[in-house]
Amino acid sequence: MIYDDRYKVKEIFGKKIHIFDDVFEFAERTRFYQFITNSRFSIGEYDGVLLENHKTSTLTSKYSEGDVRAMGFHLPKRVTDIVDLSDYKPVTAYTNLCRPDDSFHIHTDHHGPMWTVLYYANLNWHIEWGGDTYFLREDDLTIEYVSQFRPGRVVIFDGSIPHLMRPSTRLAPENRFSFVMKYIPK
């Protein structure tokens, strides 16, 4: 179902993935990018709970509510009119820094009600540089939808959908940055 060329929604077993393009002006995107690239990154996030996945991790910068305010990140009205998060509260915010040699595993963000907001923060990116997000079927873990890594794209999805980040390719001249906020019911 496509509402215009800047918004689409996919459904996997009744769980929704909302994809928004061009929600921020370039000046805002630049401010977000500068904040993110000036953040302090450390070894952090692991994909899921499986012990064997803990051999690999990504560089992560975790943010407080104050950090998110300082960054200026917000969901515009045209997004919140479609995905109403007013009954949810943010519980975590961070940025993943992905490099070509990183590896990632299938995982879910939560087993209960949760919305994940994913923002592709790079200002420039080409399709051959990879970095896409794969969303999978729960029953057989086959790929159901691929969200192309597009600068400024916002993807809001049910955190219980199995998903997988693909690393950038060796063609990419820079790191891949994705900003994430997770929301649970109030």
N, C-alpha and C. Protein backbone atom coordinates (compact mmCIF):
# COMPACT_ATOMS: atom_id res chain seq x y z
N MET A 1 0.84 -1.16 0.00
CA MET A 1 0.00 0.00 0.00
C MET A 1 0.90 1.23 0.00
N ILE A 2 0.76 2.11 -0.99
CA ILE A 2 1.59 3.31 -1.09
C ILE A 2 0.66 4.53 -1.04
N TYR A 3 0.97 5.47 -0.12
CA TYR A 3 0.17 6.68 0.03
C TYR A 3 0.72 7.80 -0.85
N ASP A 4 1.98 7.91 -0.98
CA ASP A 4 2.64 8.77 -1.95
C ASP A 4 4.05 8.22 -2.11
N ASP A 5 4.85 8.86 -2.93
CA ASP A 5 6.18 8.29 -3.19
C ASP A 5 7.14 8.45 -2.01
N ARG A 6 6.71 9.11 -0.93
CA ARG A 6 7.57 9.31 0.24
C ARG A 6 7.16 8.44 1.42
N TYR A 7 6.08 7.66 1.29
CA TYR A 7 5.63 6.80 2.38
C TYR A 7 5.09 5.50 1.82
N LYS A 8 5.44 4.40 2.48
CA LYS A 8 4.83 3.11 2.16
C LYS A 8 4.78 2.29 3.43
N VAL A 9 3.92 1.30 3.43
CA VAL A 9 3.80 0.42 4.58
C VAL A 9 3.81 -1.02 4.08
N LYS A 10 4.54 -1.87 4.79
CA LYS A 10 4.58 -3.30 4.51
C LYS A 10 4.01 -4.00 5.73
N GLU A 11 3.43 -5.16 5.50
CA GLU A 11 2.89 -5.93 6.62
C GLU A 11 3.42 -7.36 6.52
N ILE A 12 3.95 -7.85 7.65
CA ILE A 12 4.44 -9.22 7.74
C ILE A 12 3.68 -9.89 8.87
N PHE A 13 2.82 -10.85 8.53
CA PHE A 13 2.01 -11.55 9.52
C PHE A 13 1.27 -10.57 10.44
N GLY A 14 0.72 -9.51 9.86
CA GLY A 14 -0.06 -8.55 10.63
C GLY A 14 0.78 -7.51 11.38
N LYS A 15 2.08 -7.56 11.26
CA LYS A 15 2.96 -6.59 11.92
C LYS A 15 3.46 -5.60 10.87
N LYS A 16 3.44 -4.32 11.22
CA LYS A 16 3.70 -3.29 10.22
C LYS A 16 5.11 -2.74 10.25
N ILE A 17 5.56 -2.40 9.03
CA ILE A 17 6.80 -1.67 8.80
C ILE A 17 6.42 -0.42 8.01
N HIS A 18 6.65 0.74 8.60
CA HIS A 18 6.35 2.02 7.95
C HIS A 18 7.66 2.61 7.44
N ILE A 19 7.68 3.02 6.17
CA ILE A 19 8.89 3.56 5.56
C ILE A 19 8.58 4.98 5.08
N PHE A 20 9.38 5.94 5.59
CA PHE A 20 9.20 7.35 5.25
C PHE A 20 10.49 7.89 4.64
N ASP A 21 10.36 8.55 3.52
CA ASP A 21 11.50 9.23 2.90
C ASP A 21 11.25 10.73 2.89
N ASP A 22 12.34 11.48 2.90
CA ASP A 22 12.28 12.95 2.79
C ASP A 22 11.44 13.61 3.87
N VAL A 23 11.59 13.16 5.13
CA VAL A 23 10.83 13.79 6.22
C VAL A 23 11.58 14.95 6.85
N PHE A 24 12.89 15.04 6.61
CA PHE A 24 13.69 16.11 7.19
C PHE A 24 14.34 16.93 6.08
N GLU A 25 14.45 18.22 6.31
CA GLU A 25 15.19 19.09 5.40
C GLU A 25 16.67 18.75 5.50
N PHE A 26 17.43 19.09 4.47
CA PHE A 26 18.85 18.75 4.44
C PHE A 26 19.60 19.39 5.62
N ALA A 27 19.24 20.60 6.00
CA ALA A 27 19.91 21.27 7.13
C ALA A 27 19.73 20.47 8.42
N GLU A 28 18.51 19.94 8.63
CA GLU A 28 18.25 19.11 9.82
C GLU A 28 19.06 17.82 9.76
N ARG A 29 19.03 17.18 8.60
CA ARG A 29 19.78 15.94 8.43
C ARG A 29 21.27 16.17 8.68
N THR A 30 21.78 17.32 8.24
CA THR A 30 23.19 17.65 8.45
C THR A 30 23.47 17.82 9.94
N ARG A 31 22.56 18.48 10.65
CA ARG A 31 22.73 18.66 12.10
C ARG A 31 22.74 17.30 12.81
N PHE A 32 21.81 16.41 12.45
CA PHE A 32 21.79 15.07 13.04
C PHE A 32 23.12 14.35 12.77
N TYR A 33 23.56 14.41 11.52
CA TYR A 33 24.78 13.72 11.11
C TYR A 33 26.00 14.24 11.88
N GLN A 34 26.09 15.56 12.02
CA GLN A 34 27.22 16.14 12.76
C GLN A 34 27.19 15.70 14.22
N PHE A 35 25.99 15.68 14.82
CA PHE A 35 25.89 15.23 16.21
C PHE A 35 26.36 13.78 16.33
N ILE A 36 25.87 12.94 15.43
CA ILE A 36 26.19 11.51 15.45
C ILE A 36 27.68 11.27 15.23
N THR A 37 28.26 11.92 14.23
CA THR A 37 29.67 11.66 13.92
C THR A 37 30.61 12.25 14.97
N ASN A 38 30.12 13.14 15.80
CA ASN A 38 30.91 13.68 16.91
C ASN A 38 30.65 12.93 18.22
N SER A 39 29.83 11.89 18.15
CA SER A 39 29.51 11.10 19.34
C SER A 39 30.67 10.19 19.71
N ARG A 40 30.65 9.74 20.94
CA ARG A 40 31.67 8.80 21.42
C ARG A 40 31.13 7.38 21.22
N PHE A 41 31.83 6.59 20.45
CA PHE A 41 31.43 5.22 20.17
C PHE A 41 32.26 4.24 20.98
N SER A 42 31.62 3.16 21.38
CA SER A 42 32.33 2.10 22.10
C SER A 42 31.76 0.76 21.64
N ILE A 43 32.47 -0.30 21.96
CA ILE A 43 31.98 -1.64 21.62
C ILE A 43 30.73 -1.86 22.45
N GLY A 44 29.63 -2.24 21.79
CA GLY A 44 28.41 -2.30 22.55
C GLY A 44 27.44 -3.36 22.14
N GLU A 45 26.56 -3.05 21.23
CA GLU A 45 25.39 -3.87 20.94
C GLU A 45 25.75 -5.22 20.33
N TYR A 46 25.00 -6.22 20.75
CA TYR A 46 25.05 -7.56 20.16
C TYR A 46 23.68 -7.83 19.56
N ASP A 47 23.64 -8.61 18.51
CA ASP A 47 22.37 -8.97 17.89
C ASP A 47 21.73 -10.12 18.63
N GLY A 48 20.68 -9.84 19.38
CA GLY A 48 19.90 -10.90 20.00
C GLY A 48 20.53 -11.49 21.24
N VAL A 49 19.99 -12.64 21.65
CA VAL A 49 20.39 -13.25 22.91
C VAL A 49 21.29 -14.48 22.73
N LEU A 50 21.47 -14.95 21.52
CA LEU A 50 22.27 -16.15 21.30
C LEU A 50 23.74 -15.89 21.62
N LEU A 51 24.31 -16.72 22.47
CA LEU A 51 25.68 -16.55 22.90
C LEU A 51 26.65 -16.55 21.72
N GLU A 52 26.42 -17.38 20.72
CA GLU A 52 27.33 -17.44 19.58
C GLU A 52 27.37 -16.13 18.79
N ASN A 53 26.33 -15.31 18.91
CA ASN A 53 26.32 -14.02 18.23
C ASN A 53 27.17 -12.99 18.96
N HIS A 54 27.59 -13.28 20.16
CA HIS A 54 28.36 -12.32 20.95
C HIS A 54 29.83 -12.27 20.53
N LYS A 55 30.22 -13.11 19.56
CA LYS A 55 31.57 -13.02 19.01
C LYS A 55 31.72 -11.74 18.21
N THR A 56 30.61 -11.23 17.70
CA THR A 56 30.64 -10.02 16.90
C THR A 56 29.81 -8.95 17.59
N SER A 57 30.26 -7.76 17.50
CA SER A 57 29.51 -6.64 18.06
C SER A 57 29.72 -5.44 17.15
N THR A 58 29.00 -4.41 17.41
CA THR A 58 29.13 -3.21 16.60
C THR A 58 29.57 -2.05 17.50
N LEU A 59 30.08 -1.02 16.89
CA LEU A 59 30.39 0.18 17.64
C LEU A 59 29.10 0.96 17.81
N THR A 60 28.85 1.38 19.03
CA THR A 60 27.58 2.01 19.38
C THR A 60 27.82 3.25 20.21
N SER A 61 26.99 4.25 20.00
CA SER A 61 26.97 5.42 20.87
C SER A 61 25.58 5.50 21.48
N LYS A 62 25.50 5.40 22.81
CA LYS A 62 24.21 5.43 23.50
C LYS A 62 23.91 6.87 23.93
N TYR A 63 22.61 7.22 23.89
CA TYR A 63 22.20 8.58 24.17
C TYR A 63 21.16 8.64 25.29
N SER A 64 21.24 9.70 26.06
CA SER A 64 20.22 9.99 27.07
C SER A 64 19.12 10.82 26.41
N GLU A 65 18.03 11.05 27.16
CA GLU A 65 16.96 11.93 26.64
C GLU A 65 17.52 13.30 26.32
N GLY A 66 18.41 13.80 27.17
CA GLY A 66 19.03 15.10 26.94
C GLY A 66 19.86 15.13 25.67
N ASP A 67 20.56 14.02 25.38
CA ASP A 67 21.34 13.93 24.14
C ASP A 67 20.43 14.00 22.92
N VAL A 68 19.31 13.29 22.98
CA VAL A 68 18.37 13.29 21.84
C VAL A 68 17.81 14.69 21.64
N ARG A 69 17.51 15.39 22.74
CA ARG A 69 17.04 16.78 22.63
C ARG A 69 18.13 17.66 22.02
N ALA A 70 19.38 17.49 22.47
CA ALA A 70 20.49 18.29 21.93
C ALA A 70 20.70 18.00 20.44
N MET A 71 20.51 16.76 20.06
CA MET A 71 20.62 16.39 18.66
C MET A 71 19.49 17.03 17.85
N GLY A 72 18.34 17.21 18.49
CA GLY A 72 17.19 17.80 17.81
C GLY A 72 16.34 16.81 17.06
N PHE A 73 16.59 15.51 17.29
CA PHE A 73 15.81 14.51 16.56
C PHE A 73 14.38 14.46 17.06
N HIS A 74 13.45 14.45 16.15
CA HIS A 74 12.01 14.40 16.45
C HIS A 74 11.30 13.77 15.25
N LEU A 75 10.15 13.24 15.49
CA LEU A 75 9.35 12.71 14.38
C LEU A 75 8.37 13.79 13.95
N PRO A 76 8.42 14.22 12.70
CA PRO A 76 7.52 15.26 12.22
C PRO A 76 6.06 14.80 12.24
N LYS A 77 5.17 15.77 12.22
CA LYS A 77 3.72 15.52 12.28
C LYS A 77 3.26 14.58 11.17
N ARG A 78 3.80 14.71 9.98
CA ARG A 78 3.36 13.83 8.89
C ARG A 78 3.68 12.36 9.18
N VAL A 79 4.66 12.12 10.07
CA VAL A 79 4.98 10.76 10.49
C VAL A 79 4.07 10.34 11.64
N THR A 80 3.95 11.20 12.67
CA THR A 80 3.14 10.85 13.84
C THR A 80 1.64 10.81 13.53
N ASP A 81 1.22 11.43 12.45
CA ASP A 81 -0.18 11.30 12.03
C ASP A 81 -0.47 9.88 11.54
N ILE A 82 0.56 9.19 11.06
CA ILE A 82 0.41 7.83 10.56
C ILE A 82 0.75 6.80 11.63
N VAL A 83 1.86 7.02 12.34
CA VAL A 83 2.28 6.11 13.40
C VAL A 83 2.18 6.88 14.72
N ASP A 84 1.11 6.63 15.45
CA ASP A 84 0.84 7.34 16.70
C ASP A 84 1.58 6.66 17.84
N LEU A 85 2.60 7.33 18.36
CA LEU A 85 3.39 6.79 19.46
C LEU A 85 3.04 7.48 20.79
N SER A 86 1.91 8.17 20.85
CA SER A 86 1.55 8.93 22.06
C SER A 86 1.32 8.04 23.28
N ASP A 87 0.97 6.78 23.08
CA ASP A 87 0.78 5.85 24.20
C ASP A 87 2.06 5.07 24.51
N TYR A 88 3.17 5.48 23.91
CA TYR A 88 4.45 4.81 24.10
C TYR A 88 5.48 5.80 24.65
N LYS A 89 6.49 5.25 25.32
CA LYS A 89 7.56 6.09 25.83
C LYS A 89 8.90 5.56 25.30
N PRO A 90 9.83 6.47 25.00
CA PRO A 90 11.14 6.02 24.54
C PRO A 90 11.91 5.38 25.70
N VAL A 91 12.55 4.25 25.44
CA VAL A 91 13.32 3.57 26.49
C VAL A 91 14.80 3.49 26.17
N THR A 92 15.16 3.67 24.92
CA THR A 92 16.58 3.65 24.56
C THR A 92 16.78 4.39 23.25
N ALA A 93 17.95 4.99 23.13
CA ALA A 93 18.35 5.67 21.89
C ALA A 93 19.85 5.45 21.71
N TYR A 94 20.25 5.13 20.49
CA TYR A 94 21.67 4.91 20.21
C TYR A 94 21.91 4.96 18.71
N THR A 95 23.17 5.06 18.35
CA THR A 95 23.57 4.99 16.95
C THR A 95 24.51 3.81 16.78
N ASN A 96 24.27 3.03 15.73
CA ASN A 96 25.18 1.96 15.33
C ASN A 96 26.11 2.50 14.25
N LEU A 97 27.39 2.20 14.39
CA LEU A 97 28.38 2.53 13.37
C LEU A 97 28.77 1.20 12.73
N CYS A 98 28.50 1.06 11.47
CA CYS A 98 28.73 -0.20 10.76
C CYS A 98 29.88 -0.03 9.77
N ARG A 99 30.79 -1.01 9.78
CA ARG A 99 31.93 -1.02 8.86
C ARG A 99 31.84 -2.24 7.96
N PRO A 100 32.52 -2.23 6.82
CA PRO A 100 32.42 -3.36 5.89
C PRO A 100 32.77 -4.73 6.48
N ASP A 101 33.65 -4.80 7.45
CA ASP A 101 34.03 -6.11 8.00
C ASP A 101 33.13 -6.56 9.15
N ASP A 102 32.14 -5.76 9.52
CA ASP A 102 31.22 -6.15 10.60
C ASP A 102 30.29 -7.25 10.11
N SER A 103 29.79 -8.04 11.05
CA SER A 103 28.79 -9.05 10.71
C SER A 103 27.62 -8.91 11.68
N PHE A 104 26.45 -9.26 11.20
CA PHE A 104 25.24 -9.08 11.99
C PHE A 104 24.39 -10.33 11.90
N HIS A 105 23.50 -10.49 12.87
CA HIS A 105 22.69 -11.69 12.99
C HIS A 105 21.21 -11.32 13.06
N ILE A 106 20.38 -12.29 12.71
CA ILE A 106 18.93 -12.11 12.81
C ILE A 106 18.57 -11.94 14.28
N HIS A 107 17.73 -10.96 14.57
CA HIS A 107 17.30 -10.73 15.95
C HIS A 107 15.97 -9.99 15.95
N THR A 108 15.36 -9.91 17.10
CA THR A 108 14.20 -9.05 17.32
C THR A 108 14.62 -8.04 18.39
N ASP A 109 13.92 -6.93 18.44
CA ASP A 109 14.25 -5.91 19.43
C ASP A 109 13.52 -6.13 20.75
N HIS A 110 12.42 -6.88 20.69
CA HIS A 110 11.62 -7.08 21.90
C HIS A 110 10.62 -8.19 21.63
N HIS A 111 10.19 -8.86 22.67
CA HIS A 111 9.20 -9.93 22.49
C HIS A 111 7.79 -9.45 22.79
N GLY A 112 7.67 -8.32 23.45
CA GLY A 112 6.36 -7.73 23.74
C GLY A 112 6.11 -6.55 22.83
N PRO A 113 5.10 -5.74 23.16
CA PRO A 113 4.80 -4.58 22.32
C PRO A 113 5.96 -3.57 22.34
N MET A 114 6.44 -3.24 21.18
CA MET A 114 7.51 -2.25 21.05
C MET A 114 7.53 -1.72 19.63
N TRP A 115 7.79 -0.45 19.48
CA TRP A 115 8.04 0.15 18.17
C TRP A 115 9.50 0.54 18.12
N THR A 116 10.14 0.24 17.02
CA THR A 116 11.52 0.66 16.78
C THR A 116 11.52 1.72 15.69
N VAL A 117 12.18 2.83 15.97
CA VAL A 117 12.37 3.90 14.99
C VAL A 117 13.81 3.81 14.53
N LEU A 118 14.01 3.63 13.24
CA LEU A 118 15.32 3.49 12.63
C LEU A 118 15.51 4.63 11.64
N TYR A 119 16.59 5.38 11.81
CA TYR A 119 16.87 6.52 10.94
C TYR A 119 18.24 6.31 10.29
N TYR A 120 18.28 6.32 8.96
CA TYR A 120 19.54 6.17 8.24
C TYR A 120 20.19 7.54 8.15
N ALA A 121 21.28 7.73 8.89
CA ALA A 121 21.82 9.06 9.15
C ALA A 121 22.84 9.58 8.13
N ASN A 122 23.41 8.72 7.31
CA ASN A 122 24.41 9.21 6.34
C ASN A 122 23.78 10.23 5.39
N LEU A 123 24.57 11.21 4.99
CA LEU A 123 24.07 12.24 4.07
C LEU A 123 24.18 11.82 2.61
N ASN A 124 25.06 10.88 2.33
CA ASN A 124 25.27 10.41 0.97
C ASN A 124 25.44 8.90 1.03
N TRP A 125 24.79 8.19 0.12
CA TRP A 125 24.92 6.73 0.08
C TRP A 125 24.48 6.23 -1.28
N HIS A 126 25.20 5.26 -1.81
CA HIS A 126 24.85 4.66 -3.10
C HIS A 126 24.42 3.22 -2.87
N ILE A 127 23.52 2.73 -3.69
CA ILE A 127 22.95 1.40 -3.52
C ILE A 127 24.02 0.31 -3.49
N GLU A 128 25.08 0.47 -4.27
CA GLU A 128 26.11 -0.57 -4.31
C GLU A 128 26.97 -0.59 -3.04
N TRP A 129 26.73 0.34 -2.13
CA TRP A 129 27.45 0.36 -0.85
C TRP A 129 26.78 -0.51 0.20
N GLY A 130 25.62 -1.10 -0.11
CA GLY A 130 24.95 -2.02 0.82
C GLY A 130 24.35 -1.33 2.02
N GLY A 131 24.38 -2.02 3.18
CA GLY A 131 23.88 -1.45 4.42
C GLY A 131 22.39 -1.55 4.61
N ASP A 132 21.70 -2.33 3.80
CA ASP A 132 20.24 -2.43 3.87
C ASP A 132 19.80 -3.18 5.13
N THR A 133 18.51 -3.07 5.44
CA THR A 133 17.92 -3.80 6.56
C THR A 133 16.95 -4.83 5.99
N TYR A 134 17.14 -6.08 6.39
CA TYR A 134 16.28 -7.17 5.95
C TYR A 134 15.26 -7.48 7.04
N PHE A 135 14.01 -7.61 6.64
CA PHE A 135 12.94 -8.02 7.55
C PHE A 135 12.50 -9.40 7.12
N LEU A 136 12.34 -10.31 8.11
CA LEU A 136 12.13 -11.72 7.81
C LEU A 136 10.82 -12.26 8.34
N ARG A 137 10.34 -13.31 7.71
CA ARG A 137 9.15 -14.01 8.19
C ARG A 137 9.49 -14.75 9.47
N GLU A 138 8.56 -14.79 10.40
CA GLU A 138 8.80 -15.49 11.67
C GLU A 138 8.84 -17.00 11.50
N ASP A 139 8.05 -17.53 10.57
CA ASP A 139 7.92 -18.98 10.48
C ASP A 139 9.13 -19.67 9.88
N ASP A 140 9.75 -19.06 8.85
CA ASP A 140 10.88 -19.74 8.22
C ASP A 140 12.10 -18.83 8.01
N LEU A 141 12.04 -17.63 8.55
CA LEU A 141 13.13 -16.66 8.49
C LEU A 141 13.63 -16.39 7.07
N THR A 142 12.72 -16.40 6.12
CA THR A 142 13.07 -15.97 4.77
C THR A 142 12.83 -14.46 4.66
N ILE A 143 13.51 -13.84 3.75
CA ILE A 143 13.40 -12.39 3.59
C ILE A 143 12.03 -12.03 3.05
N GLU A 144 11.34 -11.17 3.76
CA GLU A 144 10.01 -10.71 3.36
C GLU A 144 10.07 -9.30 2.77
N TYR A 145 10.96 -8.47 3.30
CA TYR A 145 11.07 -7.09 2.83
C TYR A 145 12.50 -6.60 3.07
N VAL A 146 13.02 -5.81 2.14
CA VAL A 146 14.33 -5.19 2.29
C VAL A 146 14.15 -3.68 2.26
N SER A 147 14.59 -3.01 3.32
CA SER A 147 14.60 -1.55 3.34
C SER A 147 15.98 -1.10 2.87
N GLN A 148 15.99 -0.50 1.71
CA GLN A 148 17.24 0.02 1.17
C GLN A 148 17.77 1.12 2.08
N PHE A 149 19.09 1.13 2.31
CA PHE A 149 19.70 2.19 3.09
C PHE A 149 19.71 3.45 2.24
N ARG A 150 18.80 4.36 2.55
CA ARG A 150 18.68 5.63 1.81
C ARG A 150 18.87 6.77 2.80
N PRO A 151 19.75 7.71 2.50
CA PRO A 151 19.98 8.82 3.42
C PRO A 151 18.68 9.50 3.85
N GLY A 152 18.53 9.68 5.16
CA GLY A 152 17.37 10.37 5.70
C GLY A 152 16.12 9.52 5.85
N ARG A 153 16.16 8.28 5.44
CA ARG A 153 14.97 7.41 5.54
C ARG A 153 14.67 7.10 7.01
N VAL A 154 13.38 7.10 7.35
CA VAL A 154 12.91 6.70 8.67
C VAL A 154 12.07 5.44 8.49
N VAL A 155 12.43 4.40 9.24
CA VAL A 155 11.68 3.14 9.21
C VAL A 155 11.17 2.91 10.63
N ILE A 156 9.86 2.77 10.77
CA ILE A 156 9.25 2.51 12.07
C ILE A 156 8.57 1.15 11.97
N PHE A 157 8.97 0.24 12.87
CA PHE A 157 8.46 -1.12 12.73
C PHE A 157 8.21 -1.77 14.09
N ASP A 158 7.37 -2.77 14.06
CA ASP A 158 7.09 -3.60 15.23
C ASP A 158 8.39 -4.31 15.59
N GLY A 159 8.89 -4.04 16.81
CA GLY A 159 10.18 -4.57 17.23
C GLY A 159 10.24 -6.08 17.35
N SER A 160 9.09 -6.76 17.26
CA SER A 160 9.11 -8.21 17.33
C SER A 160 9.31 -8.87 15.97
N ILE A 161 9.43 -8.07 14.91
CA ILE A 161 9.71 -8.62 13.59
C ILE A 161 11.19 -8.99 13.52
N PRO A 162 11.52 -10.23 13.18
CA PRO A 162 12.93 -10.58 13.01
C PRO A 162 13.54 -9.72 11.89
N HIS A 163 14.73 -9.20 12.16
CA HIS A 163 15.39 -8.38 11.16
C HIS A 163 16.90 -8.53 11.26
N LEU A 164 17.58 -8.00 10.26
CA LEU A 164 19.01 -8.18 10.12
C LEU A 164 19.58 -6.98 9.37
N MET A 165 20.61 -6.37 9.93
CA MET A 165 21.31 -5.29 9.24
C MET A 165 22.40 -5.92 8.38
N ARG A 166 22.52 -5.45 7.16
CA ARG A 166 23.59 -5.91 6.29
C ARG A 166 24.73 -4.90 6.36
N PRO A 167 25.96 -5.35 6.49
CA PRO A 167 27.07 -4.39 6.54
C PRO A 167 27.26 -3.68 5.21
N SER A 168 27.95 -2.58 5.28
CA SER A 168 28.29 -1.87 4.05
C SER A 168 29.33 -2.69 3.28
N THR A 169 29.42 -2.46 2.00
CA THR A 169 30.39 -3.17 1.17
C THR A 169 31.73 -2.45 1.21
N ARG A 170 32.73 -3.08 0.66
CA ARG A 170 34.06 -2.46 0.61
C ARG A 170 34.09 -1.25 -0.32
N LEU A 171 33.07 -1.10 -1.15
CA LEU A 171 33.00 0.07 -2.02
C LEU A 171 32.63 1.34 -1.26
N ALA A 172 32.01 1.18 -0.11
CA ALA A 172 31.56 2.34 0.66
C ALA A 172 32.77 3.13 1.18
N PRO A 173 32.80 4.44 0.94
CA PRO A 173 33.95 5.23 1.37
C PRO A 173 33.87 5.68 2.83
N GLU A 174 32.80 5.33 3.51
CA GLU A 174 32.62 5.82 4.87
C GLU A 174 31.86 4.79 5.70
N ASN A 175 31.71 5.10 6.96
CA ASN A 175 30.94 4.25 7.85
C ASN A 175 29.44 4.44 7.61
N ARG A 176 28.69 3.42 7.94
CA ARG A 176 27.23 3.46 7.86
C ARG A 176 26.73 3.78 9.26
N PHE A 177 25.90 4.82 9.38
CA PHE A 177 25.35 5.23 10.67
C PHE A 177 23.83 5.05 10.68
N SER A 178 23.33 4.34 11.67
CA SER A 178 21.88 4.24 11.84
C SER A 178 21.53 4.61 13.27
N PHE A 179 20.62 5.56 13.40
CA PHE A 179 20.16 6.03 14.70
C PHE A 179 18.89 5.26 15.04
N VAL A 180 18.80 4.77 16.28
CA VAL A 180 17.68 3.92 16.69
C VAL A 180 17.06 4.45 17.98
N MET A 181 15.74 4.50 18.01
CA MET A 181 15.01 4.76 19.25
C MET A 181 13.98 3.65 19.39
N LYS A 182 13.84 3.14 20.62
CA LYS A 182 12.87 2.08 20.88
C LYS A 182 11.82 2.58 21.88
N TYR A 183 10.57 2.25 21.59
CA TYR A 183 9.43 2.71 22.39
C TYR A 183 8.62 1.53 22.92
N ILE A 184 8.26 1.60 24.20
CA ILE A 184 7.38 0.59 24.78
C ILE A 184 6.13 1.30 25.32
N PRO A 185 5.04 0.54 25.58
CA PRO A 185 3.83 1.18 26.11
C PRO A 185 4.11 1.89 27.44
N LYS A 186 3.41 3.01 27.65
CA LYS A 186 3.55 3.76 28.91
C LYS A 186 2.95 3.00 30.05
